[in-house]
Amino acid sequence: MEKPYDIAERTFEFAVAVLELSEHIPNSRIGNTVANQLIRSGTSVGANVEEAKGASSKADFVNKVIVALKEGRETSYWLRIVKHKNLAPAVSTDLVLTESEEIKKILGSIASKSRGTAKPKPG
């Protein structure tokens, strides 16, 4: 399946994947805690990207993208716990974790370019 080019759509699909993955996490004290944290951070990435689209200034846009990036980092953390504790199928967890890493790179690039701190391309 081809991934969407639009970061808002990609983070929306990521949120849906996080929700689907969380359905596999067992209903236990640990499982519920991890699933709740994963759902909150994983859906927050896209929500903050949507807020960035409606930013009132460049600084506001950059701030919202950075918040989305931070939520992405937190999501990766919880996904690593899911993987380490075998709380969900490994294949699904790995796919969502890989997508999380890719989204973080994209958001980091957007933030850097928007702030004007991106490294110039060689050549």
PDB file of N, CA and C in Angstrom:
ATOM      1  N   MET A   1       0.843  -1.183   0.000  1.00  0.00           N
ATOM      2  CA  MET A   1       0.000   0.000   0.000  1.00  0.00           C
ATOM      3  C   MET A   1       0.891   1.250   0.000  1.00  0.00           C
ATOM      4  N   GLU A   2       0.567   2.172  -0.878  1.00  0.00           N
ATOM      5  CA  GLU A   2       1.327   3.410  -0.975  1.00  0.00           C
ATOM      6  C   GLU A   2       0.932   4.363   0.152  1.00  0.00           C
ATOM      7  N   LYS A   3       1.926   5.000   0.745  1.00  0.00           N
ATOM      8  CA  LYS A   3       1.674   5.928   1.836  1.00  0.00           C
ATOM      9  C   LYS A   3       1.302   7.295   1.269  1.00  0.00           C
ATOM     10  N   PRO A   4       0.371   7.983   1.916  1.00  0.00           N
ATOM     11  CA  PRO A   4      -0.027   9.305   1.414  1.00  0.00           C
ATOM     12  C   PRO A   4       1.108  10.314   1.529  1.00  0.00           C
ATOM     13  N   TYR A   5       1.152  11.221   0.565  1.00  0.00           N
ATOM     14  CA  TYR A   5       2.160  12.274   0.546  1.00  0.00           C
ATOM     15  C   TYR A   5       1.826  13.357   1.577  1.00  0.00           C
ATOM     16  N   ASP A   6       0.552  13.607   1.794  1.00  0.00           N
ATOM     17  CA  ASP A   6       0.085  14.648   2.709  1.00  0.00           C
ATOM     18  C   ASP A   6       0.303  14.208   4.156  1.00  0.00           C
ATOM     19  N   ILE A   7       1.067  14.987   4.920  1.00  0.00           N
ATOM     20  CA  ILE A   7       1.391  14.610   6.299  1.00  0.00           C
ATOM     21  C   ILE A   7       0.144  14.545   7.186  1.00  0.00           C
ATOM     22  N   ALA A   8      -0.852  15.379   6.913  1.00  0.00           N
ATOM     23  CA  ALA A   8      -2.080  15.327   7.710  1.00  0.00           C
ATOM     24  C   ALA A   8      -2.803  13.999   7.495  1.00  0.00           C
ATOM     25  N   GLU A   9      -2.869  13.558   6.259  1.00  0.00           N
ATOM     26  CA  GLU A   9      -3.520  12.272   5.969  1.00  0.00           C
ATOM     27  C   GLU A   9      -2.692  11.117   6.515  1.00  0.00           C
ATOM     28  N   ARG A  10      -1.391  11.239   6.395  1.00  0.00           N
ATOM     29  CA  ARG A  10      -0.516  10.168   6.885  1.00  0.00           C
ATOM     30  C   ARG A  10      -0.622  10.029   8.398  1.00  0.00           C
ATOM     31  N   THR A  11      -0.669  11.138   9.115  1.00  0.00           N
ATOM     32  CA  THR A  11      -0.786  11.054  10.575  1.00  0.00           C
ATOM     33  C   THR A  11      -2.180  10.599  10.996  1.00  0.00           C
ATOM     34  N   PHE A  12      -3.185  10.890  10.171  1.00  0.00           N
ATOM     35  CA  PHE A  12      -4.534  10.372  10.444  1.00  0.00           C
ATOM     36  C   PHE A  12      -4.519   8.846  10.337  1.00  0.00           C
ATOM     37  N   GLU A  13      -3.949   8.345   9.251  1.00  0.00           N
ATOM     38  CA  GLU A  13      -3.873   6.893   9.061  1.00  0.00           C
ATOM     39  C   GLU A  13      -3.020   6.244  10.155  1.00  0.00           C
ATOM     40  N   PHE A  14      -1.995   6.955  10.598  1.00  0.00           N
ATOM     41  CA  PHE A  14      -1.167   6.461  11.695  1.00  0.00           C
ATOM     42  C   PHE A  14      -2.005   6.330  12.972  1.00  0.00           C
ATOM     43  N   ALA A  15      -2.827   7.337  13.253  1.00  0.00           N
ATOM     44  CA  ALA A  15      -3.687   7.288  14.438  1.00  0.00           C
ATOM     45  C   ALA A  15      -4.631   6.085  14.379  1.00  0.00           C
ATOM     46  N   VAL A  16      -5.187   5.843  13.210  1.00  0.00           N
ATOM     47  CA  VAL A  16      -6.077   4.689  13.039  1.00  0.00           C
ATOM     48  C   VAL A  16      -5.308   3.388  13.280  1.00  0.00           C
ATOM     49  N   ALA A  17      -4.080   3.306  12.769  1.00  0.00           N
ATOM     50  CA  ALA A  17      -3.253   2.112  12.978  1.00  0.00           C
ATOM     51  C   ALA A  17      -2.940   1.915  14.460  1.00  0.00           C
ATOM     52  N   VAL A  18      -2.676   3.002  15.167  1.00  0.00           N
ATOM     53  CA  VAL A  18      -2.423   2.925  16.615  1.00  0.00           C
ATOM     54  C   VAL A  18      -3.665   2.405  17.335  1.00  0.00           C
ATOM     55  N   LEU A  19      -4.823   2.917  16.959  1.00  0.00           N
ATOM     56  CA  LEU A  19      -6.067   2.454  17.580  1.00  0.00           C
ATOM     57  C   LEU A  19      -6.290   0.966  17.319  1.00  0.00           C
ATOM     58  N   GLU A  20      -6.042   0.548  16.077  1.00  0.00           N
ATOM     59  CA  GLU A  20      -6.218  -0.869  15.735  1.00  0.00           C
ATOM     60  C   GLU A  20      -5.231  -1.741  16.507  1.00  0.00           C
ATOM     61  N   LEU A  21      -3.989  -1.297  16.611  1.00  0.00           N
ATOM     62  CA  LEU A  21      -2.988  -2.048  17.361  1.00  0.00           C
ATOM     63  C   LEU A  21      -3.382  -2.153  18.835  1.00  0.00           C
ATOM     64  N   SER A  22      -3.893  -1.069  19.386  1.00  0.00           N
ATOM     65  CA  SER A  22      -4.247  -1.059  20.815  1.00  0.00           C
ATOM     66  C   SER A  22      -5.353  -2.062  21.137  1.00  0.00           C
ATOM     67  N   GLU A  23      -6.159  -2.415  20.145  1.00  0.00           N
ATOM     68  CA  GLU A  23      -7.215  -3.411  20.356  1.00  0.00           C
ATOM     69  C   GLU A  23      -6.644  -4.790  20.682  1.00  0.00           C
ATOM     70  N   HIS A  24      -5.385  -5.036  20.313  1.00  0.00           N
ATOM     71  CA  HIS A  24      -4.747  -6.324  20.573  1.00  0.00           C
ATOM     72  C   HIS A  24      -4.081  -6.386  21.935  1.00  0.00           C
ATOM     73  N   ILE A  25      -3.909  -5.246  22.580  1.00  0.00           N
ATOM     74  CA  ILE A  25      -3.239  -5.208  23.876  1.00  0.00           C
ATOM     75  C   ILE A  25      -4.171  -5.785  24.931  1.00  0.00           C
ATOM     76  N   PRO A  26      -3.670  -6.699  25.759  1.00  0.00           N
ATOM     77  CA  PRO A  26      -4.539  -7.366  26.730  1.00  0.00           C
ATOM     78  C   PRO A  26      -5.155  -6.413  27.759  1.00  0.00           C
ATOM     79  N   ASN A  27      -6.327  -6.793  28.195  1.00  0.00           N
ATOM     80  CA  ASN A  27      -7.052  -6.033  29.210  1.00  0.00           C
ATOM     81  C   ASN A  27      -6.503  -6.456  30.583  1.00  0.00           C
ATOM     82  N   SER A  28      -5.413  -5.798  30.982  1.00  0.00           N
ATOM     83  CA  SER A  28      -4.765  -6.058  32.269  1.00  0.00           C
ATOM     84  C   SER A  28      -4.287  -4.717  32.807  1.00  0.00           C
ATOM     85  N   ARG A  29      -3.760  -4.714  34.004  1.00  0.00           N
ATOM     86  CA  ARG A  29      -3.279  -3.459  34.581  1.00  0.00           C
ATOM     87  C   ARG A  29      -2.210  -2.828  33.686  1.00  0.00           C
ATOM     88  N   ILE A  30      -1.229  -3.613  33.312  1.00  0.00           N
ATOM     89  CA  ILE A  30      -0.161  -3.107  32.438  1.00  0.00           C
ATOM     90  C   ILE A  30      -0.719  -2.784  31.060  1.00  0.00           C
ATOM     91  N   GLY A  31      -1.461  -3.705  30.495  1.00  0.00           N
ATOM     92  CA  GLY A  31      -2.016  -3.515  29.162  1.00  0.00           C
ATOM     93  C   GLY A  31      -2.862  -2.267  29.048  1.00  0.00           C
ATOM     94  N   ASN A  32      -3.727  -2.047  30.012  1.00  0.00           N
ATOM     95  CA  ASN A  32      -4.598  -0.869  29.978  1.00  0.00           C
ATOM     96  C   ASN A  32      -3.805   0.430  30.091  1.00  0.00           C
ATOM     97  N   THR A  33      -2.810   0.435  30.953  1.00  0.00           N
ATOM     98  CA  THR A  33      -1.980   1.636  31.116  1.00  0.00           C
ATOM     99  C   THR A  33      -1.244   1.955  29.823  1.00  0.00           C
ATOM    100  N   VAL A  34      -0.602   0.954  29.253  1.00  0.00           N
ATOM    101  CA  VAL A  34       0.162   1.159  28.022  1.00  0.00           C
ATOM    102  C   VAL A  34      -0.765   1.538  26.873  1.00  0.00           C
ATOM    103  N   ALA A  35      -1.883   0.836  26.741  1.00  0.00           N
ATOM    104  CA  ALA A  35      -2.825   1.133  25.651  1.00  0.00           C
ATOM    105  C   ALA A  35      -3.350   2.558  25.754  1.00  0.00           C
ATOM    106  N   ASN A  36      -3.708   2.990  26.953  1.00  0.00           N
ATOM    107  CA  ASN A  36      -4.216   4.356  27.126  1.00  0.00           C
ATOM    108  C   ASN A  36      -3.174   5.397  26.739  1.00  0.00           C
ATOM    109  N   GLN A  37      -1.945   5.201  27.182  1.00  0.00           N
ATOM    110  CA  GLN A  37      -0.882   6.145  26.852  1.00  0.00           C
ATOM    111  C   GLN A  37      -0.597   6.141  25.350  1.00  0.00           C
ATOM    112  N   LEU A  38      -0.568   4.953  24.763  1.00  0.00           N
ATOM    113  CA  LEU A  38      -0.323   4.815  23.328  1.00  0.00           C
ATOM    114  C   LEU A  38      -1.416   5.506  22.522  1.00  0.00           C
ATOM    115  N   ILE A  39      -2.650   5.307  22.911  1.00  0.00           N
ATOM    116  CA  ILE A  39      -3.776   5.934  22.204  1.00  0.00           C
ATOM    117  C   ILE A  39      -3.696   7.454  22.314  1.00  0.00           C
ATOM    118  N   ARG A  40      -3.403   7.951  23.498  1.00  0.00           N
ATOM    119  CA  ARG A  40      -3.342   9.413  23.689  1.00  0.00           C
ATOM    120  C   ARG A  40      -2.251  10.047  22.842  1.00  0.00           C
ATOM    121  N   SER A  41      -1.050   9.486  22.910  1.00  0.00           N
ATOM    122  CA  SER A  41       0.055  10.095  22.157  1.00  0.00           C
ATOM    123  C   SER A  41      -0.074   9.835  20.659  1.00  0.00           C
ATOM    124  N   GLY A  42      -0.479   8.628  20.284  1.00  0.00           N
ATOM    125  CA  GLY A  42      -0.568   8.272  18.872  1.00  0.00           C
ATOM    126  C   GLY A  42      -1.615   9.048  18.106  1.00  0.00           C
ATOM    127  N   THR A  43      -2.715   9.384  18.759  1.00  0.00           N
ATOM    128  CA  THR A  43      -3.745  10.179  18.087  1.00  0.00           C
ATOM    129  C   THR A  43      -3.434  11.671  18.173  1.00  0.00           C
ATOM    130  N   SER A  44      -2.619  12.049  19.128  1.00  0.00           N
ATOM    131  CA  SER A  44      -2.260  13.455  19.299  1.00  0.00           C
ATOM    132  C   SER A  44      -1.330  13.958  18.199  1.00  0.00           C
ATOM    133  N   VAL A  45      -0.549  13.065  17.604  1.00  0.00           N
ATOM    134  CA  VAL A  45       0.359  13.475  16.529  1.00  0.00           C
ATOM    135  C   VAL A  45      -0.444  14.156  15.422  1.00  0.00           C
ATOM    136  N   GLY A  46      -1.428  13.463  14.905  1.00  0.00           N
ATOM    137  CA  GLY A  46      -2.251  14.008  13.823  1.00  0.00           C
ATOM    138  C   GLY A  46      -3.084  15.196  14.249  1.00  0.00           C
ATOM    139  N   ALA A  47      -3.571  15.170  15.481  1.00  0.00           N
ATOM    140  CA  ALA A  47      -4.364  16.305  15.968  1.00  0.00           C
ATOM    141  C   ALA A  47      -3.528  17.579  15.979  1.00  0.00           C
ATOM    142  N   ASN A  48      -2.269  17.468  16.365  1.00  0.00           N
ATOM    143  CA  ASN A  48      -1.399  18.639  16.374  1.00  0.00           C
ATOM    144  C   ASN A  48      -0.997  19.069  14.967  1.00  0.00           C
ATOM    145  N   VAL A  49      -0.878  18.130  14.048  1.00  0.00           N
ATOM    146  CA  VAL A  49      -0.632  18.492  12.650  1.00  0.00           C
ATOM    147  C   VAL A  49      -1.829  19.271  12.113  1.00  0.00           C
ATOM    148  N   GLU A  50      -3.031  18.824  12.441  1.00  0.00           N
ATOM    149  CA  GLU A  50      -4.236  19.552  12.016  1.00  0.00           C
ATOM    150  C   GLU A  50      -4.255  20.965  12.605  1.00  0.00           C
ATOM    151  N   GLU A  51      -3.871  21.094  13.870  1.00  0.00           N
ATOM    152  CA  GLU A  51      -3.813  22.425  14.481  1.00  0.00           C
ATOM    153  C   GLU A  51      -2.769  23.294  13.803  1.00  0.00           C
ATOM    154  N   ALA A  52      -1.661  22.693  13.395  1.00  0.00           N
ATOM    155  CA  ALA A  52      -0.617  23.449  12.704  1.00  0.00           C
ATOM    156  C   ALA A  52      -1.132  24.025  11.395  1.00  0.00           C
ATOM    157  N   LYS A  53      -1.991  23.278  10.718  1.00  0.00           N
ATOM    158  CA  LYS A  53      -2.553  23.763   9.456  1.00  0.00           C
ATOM    159  C   LYS A  53      -3.354  25.043   9.656  1.00  0.00           C
ATOM    160  N   GLY A  54      -3.902  25.234  10.837  1.00  0.00           N
ATOM    161  CA  GLY A  54      -4.679  26.436  11.137  1.00  0.00           C
ATOM    162  C   GLY A  54      -3.926  27.436  11.991  1.00  0.00           C
ATOM    163  N   ALA A  55      -2.614  27.349  11.986  1.00  0.00           N
ATOM    164  CA  ALA A  55      -1.790  28.223  12.833  1.00  0.00           C
ATOM    165  C   ALA A  55      -1.982  29.688  12.472  1.00  0.00           C
ATOM    166  N   SER A  56      -1.854  30.534  13.472  1.00  0.00           N
ATOM    167  CA  SER A  56      -2.060  31.973  13.274  1.00  0.00           C
ATOM    168  C   SER A  56      -0.784  32.699  12.844  1.00  0.00           C
ATOM    169  N   SER A  57       0.356  32.021  12.929  1.00  0.00           N
ATOM    170  CA  SER A  57       1.627  32.635  12.529  1.00  0.00           C
ATOM    171  C   SER A  57       2.623  31.520  12.234  1.00  0.00           C
ATOM    172  N   LYS A  58       3.754  31.905  11.665  1.00  0.00           N
ATOM    173  CA  LYS A  58       4.814  30.929  11.393  1.00  0.00           C
ATOM    174  C   LYS A  58       5.311  30.310  12.693  1.00  0.00           C
ATOM    175  N   ALA A  59       5.480  31.138  13.710  1.00  0.00           N
ATOM    176  CA  ALA A  59       5.949  30.635  15.008  1.00  0.00           C
ATOM    177  C   ALA A  59       4.941  29.660  15.611  1.00  0.00           C
ATOM    178  N   ASP A  60       3.664  29.966  15.482  1.00  0.00           N
ATOM    179  CA  ASP A  60       2.609  29.086  15.972  1.00  0.00           C
ATOM    180  C   ASP A  60       2.643  27.761  15.203  1.00  0.00           C
ATOM    181  N   PHE A  61       2.838  27.835  13.881  1.00  0.00           N
ATOM    182  CA  PHE A  61       2.931  26.638  13.051  1.00  0.00           C
ATOM    183  C   PHE A  61       4.088  25.760  13.515  1.00  0.00           C
ATOM    184  N   VAL A  62       5.253  26.358  13.671  1.00  0.00           N
ATOM    185  CA  VAL A  62       6.435  25.602  14.089  1.00  0.00           C
ATOM    186  C   VAL A  62       6.200  24.977  15.461  1.00  0.00           C
ATOM    187  N   ASN A  63       5.617  25.722  16.367  1.00  0.00           N
ATOM    188  CA  ASN A  63       5.351  25.208  17.702  1.00  0.00           C
ATOM    189  C   ASN A  63       4.436  23.979  17.650  1.00  0.00           C
ATOM    190  N   LYS A  64       3.388  24.034  16.852  1.00  0.00           N
ATOM    191  CA  LYS A  64       2.451  22.913  16.756  1.00  0.00           C
ATOM    192  C   LYS A  64       3.117  21.697  16.116  1.00  0.00           C
ATOM    193  N   VAL A  65       3.968  21.932  15.122  1.00  0.00           N
ATOM    194  CA  VAL A  65       4.690  20.823  14.497  1.00  0.00           C
ATOM    195  C   VAL A  65       5.648  20.195  15.511  1.00  0.00           C
ATOM    196  N   ILE A  66       6.296  21.009  16.314  1.00  0.00           N
ATOM    197  CA  ILE A  66       7.203  20.486  17.340  1.00  0.00           C
ATOM    198  C   ILE A  66       6.432  19.680  18.386  1.00  0.00           C
ATOM    199  N   VAL A  67       5.246  20.143  18.754  1.00  0.00           N
ATOM    200  CA  VAL A  67       4.413  19.378  19.695  1.00  0.00           C
ATOM    201  C   VAL A  67       4.039  18.030  19.065  1.00  0.00           C
ATOM    202  N   ALA A  68       3.683  18.037  17.784  1.00  0.00           N
ATOM    203  CA  ALA A  68       3.369  16.788  17.083  1.00  0.00           C
ATOM    204  C   ALA A  68       4.577  15.856  17.098  1.00  0.00           C
ATOM    205  N   LEU A  69       5.761  16.403  16.877  1.00  0.00           N
ATOM    206  CA  LEU A  69       6.994  15.617  16.908  1.00  0.00           C
ATOM    207  C   LEU A  69       7.221  15.015  18.296  1.00  0.00           C
ATOM    208  N   LYS A  70       7.007  15.809  19.329  1.00  0.00           N
ATOM    209  CA  LYS A  70       7.160  15.302  20.703  1.00  0.00           C
ATOM    210  C   LYS A  70       6.177  14.159  20.972  1.00  0.00           C
ATOM    211  N   GLU A  71       4.959  14.315  20.505  1.00  0.00           N
ATOM    212  CA  GLU A  71       3.963  13.248  20.672  1.00  0.00           C
ATOM    213  C   GLU A  71       4.391  12.004  19.895  1.00  0.00           C
ATOM    214  N   GLY A  72       5.003  12.211  18.737  1.00  0.00           N
ATOM    215  CA  GLY A  72       5.529  11.090  17.966  1.00  0.00           C
ATOM    216  C   GLY A  72       6.620  10.352  18.716  1.00  0.00           C
ATOM    217  N   ARG A  73       7.481  11.108  19.379  1.00  0.00           N
ATOM    218  CA  ARG A  73       8.541  10.481  20.187  1.00  0.00           C
ATOM    219  C   ARG A  73       7.937   9.670  21.325  1.00  0.00           C
ATOM    220  N   GLU A  74       6.934  10.247  21.976  1.00  0.00           N
ATOM    221  CA  GLU A  74       6.284   9.519  23.066  1.00  0.00           C
ATOM    222  C   GLU A  74       5.612   8.252  22.537  1.00  0.00           C
ATOM    223  N   THR A  75       4.989   8.357  21.381  1.00  0.00           N
ATOM    224  CA  THR A  75       4.329   7.190  20.791  1.00  0.00           C
ATOM    225  C   THR A  75       5.343   6.089  20.512  1.00  0.00           C
ATOM    226  N   SER A  76       6.504   6.456  19.978  1.00  0.00           N
ATOM    227  CA  SER A  76       7.550   5.465  19.723  1.00  0.00           C
ATOM    228  C   SER A  76       7.970   4.770  21.012  1.00  0.00           C
ATOM    229  N   TYR A  77       8.046   5.535  22.077  1.00  0.00           N
ATOM    230  CA  TYR A  77       8.389   4.963  23.386  1.00  0.00           C
ATOM    231  C   TYR A  77       7.378   3.884  23.793  1.00  0.00           C
ATOM    232  N   TRP A  78       6.098   4.226  23.711  1.00  0.00           N
ATOM    233  CA  TRP A  78       5.068   3.265  24.109  1.00  0.00           C
ATOM    234  C   TRP A  78       5.035   2.064  23.168  1.00  0.00           C
ATOM    235  N   LEU A  79       5.296   2.285  21.890  1.00  0.00           N
ATOM    236  CA  LEU A  79       5.348   1.171  20.945  1.00  0.00           C
ATOM    237  C   LEU A  79       6.517   0.237  21.265  1.00  0.00           C
ATOM    238  N   ARG A  80       7.621   0.805  21.696  1.00  0.00           N
ATOM    239  CA  ARG A  80       8.763  -0.022  22.091  1.00  0.00           C
ATOM    240  C   ARG A  80       8.421  -0.872  23.308  1.00  0.00           C
ATOM    241  N   ILE A  81       7.639  -0.313  24.236  1.00  0.00           N
ATOM    242  CA  ILE A  81       7.197  -1.104  25.394  1.00  0.00           C
ATOM    243  C   ILE A  81       6.279  -2.229  24.941  1.00  0.00           C
ATOM    244  N   VAL A  82       5.341  -1.904  24.047  1.00  0.00           N
ATOM    245  CA  VAL A  82       4.436  -2.931  23.510  1.00  0.00           C
ATOM    246  C   VAL A  82       5.250  -4.071  22.899  1.00  0.00           C
ATOM    247  N   LYS A  83       6.252  -3.700  22.130  1.00  0.00           N
ATOM    248  CA  LYS A  83       7.091  -4.712  21.477  1.00  0.00           C
ATOM    249  C   LYS A  83       7.886  -5.515  22.505  1.00  0.00           C
ATOM    250  N   HIS A  84       8.523  -4.837  23.427  1.00  0.00           N
ATOM    251  CA  HIS A  84       9.362  -5.496  24.428  1.00  0.00           C
ATOM    252  C   HIS A  84       8.560  -6.453  25.316  1.00  0.00           C
ATOM    253  N   LYS A  85       7.346  -6.049  25.665  1.00  0.00           N
ATOM    254  CA  LYS A  85       6.503  -6.866  26.544  1.00  0.00           C
ATOM    255  C   LYS A  85       5.599  -7.832  25.772  1.00  0.00           C
ATOM    256  N   ASN A  86       5.732  -7.838  24.428  1.00  0.00           N
ATOM    257  CA  ASN A  86       4.903  -8.714  23.583  1.00  0.00           C
ATOM    258  C   ASN A  86       3.411  -8.532  23.856  1.00  0.00           C
ATOM    259  N   LEU A  87       2.983  -7.282  23.916  1.00  0.00           N
ATOM    260  CA  LEU A  87       1.586  -6.980  24.231  1.00  0.00           C
ATOM    261  C   LEU A  87       0.672  -7.004  23.007  1.00  0.00           C
ATOM    262  N   ALA A  88       1.267  -7.059  21.809  1.00  0.00           N
ATOM    263  CA  ALA A  88       0.490  -7.095  20.566  1.00  0.00           C
ATOM    264  C   ALA A  88       1.309  -7.873  19.545  1.00  0.00           C
ATOM    265  N   PRO A  89       0.679  -8.302  18.445  1.00  0.00           N
ATOM    266  CA  PRO A  89       1.431  -9.050  17.433  1.00  0.00           C
ATOM    267  C   PRO A  89       2.663  -8.280  16.959  1.00  0.00           C
ATOM    268  N   ALA A  90       3.797  -8.958  16.910  1.00  0.00           N
ATOM    269  CA  ALA A  90       5.074  -8.318  16.584  1.00  0.00           C
ATOM    270  C   ALA A  90       5.061  -7.668  15.203  1.00  0.00           C
ATOM    271  N   VAL A  91       4.462  -8.326  14.218  1.00  0.00           N
ATOM    272  CA  VAL A  91       4.443  -7.773  12.863  1.00  0.00           C
ATOM    273  C   VAL A  91       3.702  -6.441  12.845  1.00  0.00           C
ATOM    274  N   SER A  92       2.549  -6.384  13.479  1.00  0.00           N
ATOM    275  CA  SER A  92       1.764  -5.144  13.529  1.00  0.00           C
ATOM    276  C   SER A  92       2.519  -4.064  14.292  1.00  0.00           C
ATOM    277  N   THR A  93       3.088  -4.431  15.411  1.00  0.00           N
ATOM    278  CA  THR A  93       3.835  -3.470  16.222  1.00  0.00           C
ATOM    279  C   THR A  93       5.008  -2.905  15.431  1.00  0.00           C
ATOM    280  N   ASP A  94       5.738  -3.769  14.738  1.00  0.00           N
ATOM    281  CA  ASP A  94       6.887  -3.318  13.949  1.00  0.00           C
ATOM    282  C   ASP A  94       6.466  -2.362  12.845  1.00  0.00           C
ATOM    283  N   LEU A  95       5.353  -2.645  12.177  1.00  0.00           N
ATOM    284  CA  LEU A  95       4.875  -1.764  11.109  1.00  0.00           C
ATOM    285  C   LEU A  95       4.516  -0.384  11.647  1.00  0.00           C
ATOM    286  N   VAL A  96       3.821  -0.344  12.769  1.00  0.00           N
ATOM    287  CA  VAL A  96       3.416   0.936  13.350  1.00  0.00           C
ATOM    288  C   VAL A  96       4.643   1.672  13.890  1.00  0.00           C
ATOM    289  N   LEU A  97       5.573   0.943  14.471  1.00  0.00           N
ATOM    290  CA  LEU A  97       6.806   1.563  14.975  1.00  0.00           C
ATOM    291  C   LEU A  97       7.627   2.156  13.825  1.00  0.00           C
ATOM    292  N   THR A  98       7.713   1.444  12.723  1.00  0.00           N
ATOM    293  CA  THR A  98       8.425   1.965  11.554  1.00  0.00           C
ATOM    294  C   THR A  98       7.755   3.236  11.033  1.00  0.00           C
ATOM    295  N   GLU A  99       6.443   3.218  10.951  1.00  0.00           N
ATOM    296  CA  GLU A  99       5.715   4.407  10.488  1.00  0.00           C
ATOM    297  C   GLU A  99       5.924   5.570  11.458  1.00  0.00           C
ATOM    298  N   SER A 100       5.959   5.284  12.750  1.00  0.00           N
ATOM    299  CA  SER A 100       6.218   6.318  13.747  1.00  0.00           C
ATOM    300  C   SER A 100       7.570   6.973  13.506  1.00  0.00           C
ATOM    301  N   GLU A 101       8.580   6.163  13.242  1.00  0.00           N
ATOM    302  CA  GLU A 101       9.922   6.689  12.992  1.00  0.00           C
ATOM    303  C   GLU A 101       9.941   7.557  11.733  1.00  0.00           C
ATOM    304  N   GLU A 102       9.256   7.119  10.680  1.00  0.00           N
ATOM    305  CA  GLU A 102       9.209   7.899   9.444  1.00  0.00           C
ATOM    306  C   GLU A 102       8.487   9.228   9.649  1.00  0.00           C
ATOM    307  N   ILE A 103       7.387   9.194  10.366  1.00  0.00           N
ATOM    308  CA  ILE A 103       6.627  10.424  10.635  1.00  0.00           C
ATOM    309  C   ILE A 103       7.470  11.396  11.458  1.00  0.00           C
ATOM    310  N   LYS A 104       8.208  10.898  12.431  1.00  0.00           N
ATOM    311  CA  LYS A 104       9.076  11.779  13.232  1.00  0.00           C
ATOM    312  C   LYS A 104      10.114  12.463  12.355  1.00  0.00           C
ATOM    313  N   LYS A 105      10.693  11.731  11.417  1.00  0.00           N
ATOM    314  CA  LYS A 105      11.671  12.326  10.513  1.00  0.00           C
ATOM    315  C   LYS A 105      11.036  13.416   9.658  1.00  0.00           C
ATOM    316  N   ILE A 106       9.843  13.157   9.156  1.00  0.00           N
ATOM    317  CA  ILE A 106       9.140  14.144   8.335  1.00  0.00           C
ATOM    318  C   ILE A 106       8.821  15.387   9.155  1.00  0.00           C
ATOM    319  N   LEU A 107       8.291  15.200  10.353  1.00  0.00           N
ATOM    320  CA  LEU A 107       7.949  16.346  11.202  1.00  0.00           C
ATOM    321  C   LEU A 107       9.191  17.130  11.602  1.00  0.00           C
ATOM    322  N   GLY A 108      10.283  16.427  11.883  1.00  0.00           N
ATOM    323  CA  GLY A 108      11.531  17.111  12.201  1.00  0.00           C
ATOM    324  C   GLY A 108      12.015  17.950  11.028  1.00  0.00           C
ATOM    325  N   SER A 109      11.883  17.418   9.838  1.00  0.00           N
ATOM    326  CA  SER A 109      12.278  18.147   8.637  1.00  0.00           C
ATOM    327  C   SER A 109      11.391  19.370   8.414  1.00  0.00           C
ATOM    328  N   ILE A 110      10.094  19.206   8.603  1.00  0.00           N
ATOM    329  CA  ILE A 110       9.165  20.333   8.452  1.00  0.00           C
ATOM    330  C   ILE A 110       9.518  21.432   9.450  1.00  0.00           C
ATOM    331  N   ALA A 111       9.764  21.046  10.702  1.00  0.00           N
ATOM    332  CA  ALA A 111      10.100  22.030  11.736  1.00  0.00           C
ATOM    333  C   ALA A 111      11.408  22.745  11.393  1.00  0.00           C
ATOM    334  N   SER A 112      12.418  21.995  10.990  1.00  0.00           N
ATOM    335  CA  SER A 112      13.714  22.605  10.654  1.00  0.00           C
ATOM    336  C   SER A 112      13.600  23.568   9.485  1.00  0.00           C
ATOM    337  N   LYS A 113      12.926  23.133   8.435  1.00  0.00           N
ATOM    338  CA  LYS A 113      12.773  23.987   7.257  1.00  0.00           C
ATOM    339  C   LYS A 113      11.938  25.221   7.570  1.00  0.00           C
ATOM    340  N   SER A 114      10.930  25.062   8.384  1.00  0.00           N
ATOM    341  CA  SER A 114      10.067  26.194   8.736  1.00  0.00           C
ATOM    342  C   SER A 114      10.793  27.202   9.613  1.00  0.00           C
ATOM    343  N   ARG A 115      11.705  26.715  10.447  1.00  0.00           N
ATOM    344  CA  ARG A 115      12.501  27.601  11.298  1.00  0.00           C
ATOM    345  C   ARG A 115      13.689  28.182  10.547  1.00  0.00           C
ATOM    346  N   GLY A 116      13.982  27.605   9.395  1.00  0.00           N
ATOM    347  CA  GLY A 116      15.146  28.058   8.633  1.00  0.00           C
ATOM    348  C   GLY A 116      16.428  27.473   9.147  1.00  0.00           C
ATOM    349  N   THR A 117      16.351  26.345   9.861  1.00  0.00           N
ATOM    350  CA  THR A 117      17.555  25.719  10.418  1.00  0.00           C
ATOM    351  C   THR A 117      17.935  24.445   9.690  1.00  0.00           C
ATOM    352  N   ALA A 118      17.292  24.181   8.553  1.00  0.00           N
ATOM    353  CA  ALA A 118      17.605  22.979   7.786  1.00  0.00           C
ATOM    354  C   ALA A 118      19.009  23.084   7.216  1.00  0.00           C
ATOM    355  N   LYS A 119      19.688  21.947   7.157  1.00  0.00           N
ATOM    356  CA  LYS A 119      21.036  21.900   6.573  1.00  0.00           C
ATOM    357  C   LYS A 119      20.903  22.025   5.059  1.00  0.00           C
ATOM    358  N   PRO A 120      21.746  22.830   4.440  1.00  0.00           N
ATOM    359  CA  PRO A 120      21.679  22.950   2.982  1.00  0.00           C
ATOM    360  C   PRO A 120      22.065  21.632   2.322  1.00  0.00           C
ATOM    361  N   LYS A 121      21.403  21.348   1.192  1.00  0.00           N
ATOM    362  CA  LYS A 121      21.713  20.135   0.453  1.00  0.00           C
ATOM    363  C   LYS A 121      23.031  20.312  -0.284  1.00  0.00           C
ATOM    364  N   PRO A 122      23.886  19.279  -0.242  1.00  0.00           N
ATOM    365  CA  PRO A 122      25.168  19.386  -0.958  1.00  0.00           C
ATOM    366  C   PRO A 122      24.947  19.452  -2.464  1.00  0.00           C
ATOM    367  N   GLY A 123      25.851  20.135  -3.134  1.00  0.00           N
ATOM    368  CA  GLY A 123      25.787  20.154  -4.584  1.00  0.00           C
ATOM    369  C   GLY A 123      25.364  21.413  -5.103  1.00  0.00           C
TER     370      GLY A 123
END
